[in-house]
C-alpha atoms as a PDB file:
ATOM      1  CA  MET A   1       0.000   0.000   0.000  1.00  0.00           C
ATOM      2  CA  PRO A   2       1.392   3.454  -0.875  1.00  0.00           C
ATOM      3  CA  PRO A   3       2.264   5.620   2.150  1.00  0.00           C
ATOM      4  CA  LEU A   4      -0.306   8.261   1.180  1.00  0.00           C
ATOM      5  CA  ALA A   5      -3.183   5.740   1.162  1.00  0.00           C
ATOM      6  CA  GLY A   6      -2.839   5.272   4.932  1.00  0.00           C
ATOM      7  CA  LEU A   7      -3.275   9.022   5.449  1.00  0.00           C
ATOM      8  CA  LEU A   8      -6.554   9.304   3.549  1.00  0.00           C
ATOM      9  CA  PRO A   9      -8.828   8.249   6.454  1.00  0.00           C
ATOM     10  CA  LEU A  10      -6.954  10.606   8.780  1.00  0.00           C
ATOM     11  CA  LEU A  11      -7.305  13.485   6.317  1.00  0.00           C
ATOM     12  CA  ALA A  12     -11.026  12.741   5.903  1.00  0.00           C
ATOM     13  CA  VAL A  13     -11.615  12.854   9.666  1.00  0.00           C
ATOM     14  CA  ALA A  14      -9.554  16.037  10.004  1.00  0.00           C
ATOM     15  CA  GLY A  15     -11.563  17.651   7.205  1.00  0.00           C
ATOM     16  CA  LEU A  16     -14.851  16.702   8.877  1.00  0.00           C
ATOM     17  CA  VAL A  17     -13.707  18.145  12.212  1.00  0.00           C
ATOM     18  CA  ILE A  18     -12.669  21.417  10.536  1.00  0.00           C
ATOM     19  CA  TRP A  19     -15.975  21.609   8.663  1.00  0.00           C
ATOM     20  CA  LEU A  20     -17.957  21.046  11.888  1.00  0.00           C
ATOM     21  CA  LEU A  21     -15.989  23.762  13.664  1.00  0.00           C
ATOM     22  CA  VAL A  22     -16.566  26.269  10.859  1.00  0.00           C
ATOM     23  CA  ALA A  23     -20.272  25.405  10.607  1.00  0.00           C
ATOM     24  CA  GLY A  24     -20.652  25.755  14.371  1.00  0.00           C
ATOM     25  CA  ARG A  25     -19.003  29.170  14.400  1.00  0.00           C
ATOM     26  CA  ARG A  26     -21.321  30.355  11.633  1.00  0.00           C
ATOM     27  CA  GLY A  27     -24.358  29.394  13.702  1.00  0.00           C
ATOM     28  CA  ALA A  28     -25.449  26.388  11.664  1.00  0.00           C
ATOM     29  CA  PHE A  29     -26.295  24.440  14.811  1.00  0.00           C
ATOM     30  CA  GLN A  30     -28.181  27.124  16.716  1.00  0.00           C
ATOM     31  CA  ALA A  31     -31.746  26.552  15.550  1.00  0.00           C
ATOM     32  CA  ALA A  32     -32.759  22.921  15.562  1.00  0.00           C
ATOM     33  CA  GLY A  33     -36.192  21.400  15.790  1.00  0.00           C
ATOM     34  CA  ASN A  34     -39.380  22.987  14.492  1.00  0.00           C
ATOM     35  CA  VAL A  35     -38.578  26.388  13.033  1.00  0.00           C
ATOM     36  CA  ILE A  36     -40.496  28.900  10.964  1.00  0.00           C
ATOM     37  CA  VAL A  37     -39.333  29.228   7.379  1.00  0.00           C
ATOM     38  CA  ARG A  38     -40.306  31.403   4.435  1.00  0.00           C
ATOM     39  CA  CYS A  39     -40.425  30.087   0.892  1.00  0.00           C
ATOM     40  CA  SER A  40     -39.351  32.109  -2.136  1.00  0.00           C
ATOM     41  CA  ALA A  41     -43.022  33.007  -2.779  1.00  0.00           C
ATOM     42  CA  GLY A  42     -43.316  34.470   0.747  1.00  0.00           C
ATOM     43  CA  HIS A  43     -45.334  31.676   2.374  1.00  0.00           C
ATOM     44  CA  LEU A  44     -44.615  30.977   6.048  1.00  0.00           C
ATOM     45  CA  PHE A  45     -44.747  27.510   7.593  1.00  0.00           C
ATOM     46  CA  THR A  46     -42.926  25.387  10.144  1.00  0.00           C
ATOM     47  CA  THR A  47     -40.527  22.608   9.285  1.00  0.00           C
ATOM     48  CA  THR A  48     -38.194  20.305  11.151  1.00  0.00           C
ATOM     49  CA  TRP A  49     -34.717  21.800  10.798  1.00  0.00           C
ATOM     50  CA  LEU A  50     -31.858  19.621  12.029  1.00  0.00           C
ATOM     51  CA  PRO A  51     -28.189  20.321  11.381  1.00  0.00           C
ATOM     52  CA  LEU A  52     -26.563  17.870   8.962  1.00  0.00           C
ATOM     53  CA  VAL A  53     -29.847  15.933   8.511  1.00  0.00           C
ATOM     54  CA  SER A  54     -32.241  16.311   5.626  1.00  0.00           C
ATOM     55  CA  LEU A  55     -34.346  13.538   4.135  1.00  0.00           C
ATOM     56  CA  LYS A  56     -37.079  15.652   2.544  1.00  0.00           C
ATOM     57  CA  ALA A  57     -35.027  18.593   1.300  1.00  0.00           C
ATOM     58  CA  ILE A  58     -31.869  19.417  -0.581  1.00  0.00           C
ATOM     59  CA  ARG A  59     -29.599  21.433   1.685  1.00  0.00           C
ATOM     60  CA  LEU A  60     -27.671  24.336   0.163  1.00  0.00           C
ATOM     61  CA  GLY A  61     -26.022  25.899   3.198  1.00  0.00           C
ATOM     62  CA  PRO A  62     -28.611  28.062   5.001  1.00  0.00           C
ATOM     63  CA  ILE A  63     -31.127  27.506   2.181  1.00  0.00           C
ATOM     64  CA  ARG A  64     -33.104  24.351   1.471  1.00  0.00           C
ATOM     65  CA  PHE A  65     -35.053  23.237  -1.564  1.00  0.00           C
ATOM     66  CA  GLN A  66     -38.202  21.528  -0.368  1.00  0.00           C
ATOM     67  CA  TYR A  67     -41.983  21.302  -0.653  1.00  0.00           C
ATOM     68  CA  CYS A  68     -44.051  24.265   0.571  1.00  0.00           C
ATOM     69  CA  PRO A  69     -47.347  23.005   2.037  1.00  0.00           C
ATOM     70  CA  VAL A  70     -48.927  26.470   1.832  1.00  0.00           C
ATOM     71  CA  GLY A  71     -48.404  27.097  -1.879  1.00  0.00           C
ATOM     72  CA  ARG A  72     -48.177  23.383  -2.738  1.00  0.00           C
ATOM     73  CA  HIS A  73     -44.990  23.799  -4.741  1.00  0.00           C
ATOM     74  CA  PHE A  74     -41.304  22.958  -4.523  1.00  0.00           C
ATOM     75  CA  THR A  75     -39.246  25.998  -3.650  1.00  0.00           C
ATOM     76  CA  PHE A  76     -36.257  27.392  -1.773  1.00  0.00           C
ATOM     77  CA  VAL A  77     -36.848  28.074   1.939  1.00  0.00           C
ATOM     78  CA  THR A  78     -34.861  29.912   4.600  1.00  0.00           C
ATOM     79  CA  ARG A  79     -35.255  30.190   8.350  1.00  0.00           C
ATOM     80  CA  VAL A  80     -36.936  33.358   9.585  1.00  0.00           C
ATOM     81  CA  PRO A  81     -35.678  34.974  12.801  1.00  0.00           C
ATOM     82  CA  ASP A  82     -38.450  35.125  15.395  1.00  0.00           C
ATOM     83  CA  SER A  83     -37.808  38.850  15.857  1.00  0.00           C
ATOM     84  CA  ASP A  84     -38.741  39.468  12.197  1.00  0.00           C
ATOM     85  CA  LEU A  85     -42.260  38.055  12.635  1.00  0.00           C
ATOM     86  CA  THR A  86     -45.476  39.521  13.961  1.00  0.00           C
ATOM     87  CA  ASP A  87     -47.692  37.507  16.305  1.00  0.00           C
ATOM     88  CA  ALA A  88     -50.152  36.911  13.456  1.00  0.00           C
ATOM     89  CA  GLU A  89     -47.368  35.604  11.186  1.00  0.00           C
ATOM     90  CA  ARG A  90     -46.112  33.243  13.918  1.00  0.00           C
ATOM     91  CA  LEU A  91     -49.616  31.880  14.444  1.00  0.00           C
ATOM     92  CA  ALA A  92     -50.207  31.408  10.706  1.00  0.00           C
ATOM     93  CA  ALA A  93     -46.845  29.649  10.290  1.00  0.00           C
ATOM     94  CA  ARG A  94     -47.513  27.279  13.192  1.00  0.00           C
ATOM     95  CA  ARG A  95     -50.813  26.266  11.624  1.00  0.00           C
ATOM     96  CA  GLN A  96     -48.973  25.023   8.526  1.00  0.00           C
ATOM     97  CA  HIS A  97     -46.385  22.281   9.005  1.00  0.00           C
ATOM     98  CA  ASP A  98     -44.724  20.168   6.363  1.00  0.00           C
ATOM     99  CA  ALA A  99     -44.004  16.429   6.652  1.00  0.00           C
ATOM    100  CA  ALA A 100     -42.739  15.258  10.045  1.00  0.00           C
ATOM    101  CA  VAL A 101     -39.585  13.734   8.525  1.00  0.00           C
ATOM    102  CA  PRO A 102     -36.441  15.909   8.979  1.00  0.00           C
END
């Protein structure tokens, strides 16, 4: 076996650790669980948002491509800070939830 081949698993683990540290510093792990998101058409709904896990959406950094249950279309969604929402928007978003799978 070439000497470099033995280093590949070590380099892969080191790369994963670095990626996790960078993602953590950027706040990727702060909001987990049911969060309010807004689709590109402006619809608000709640979705299960877990770091590094996505079975029903395609993750693109802080953006996900997934189904919007309000507009019944596939679209890009982003998390919405709670401070950016009115009470009426929070209530409307909590009434609409997508599939329970993360």
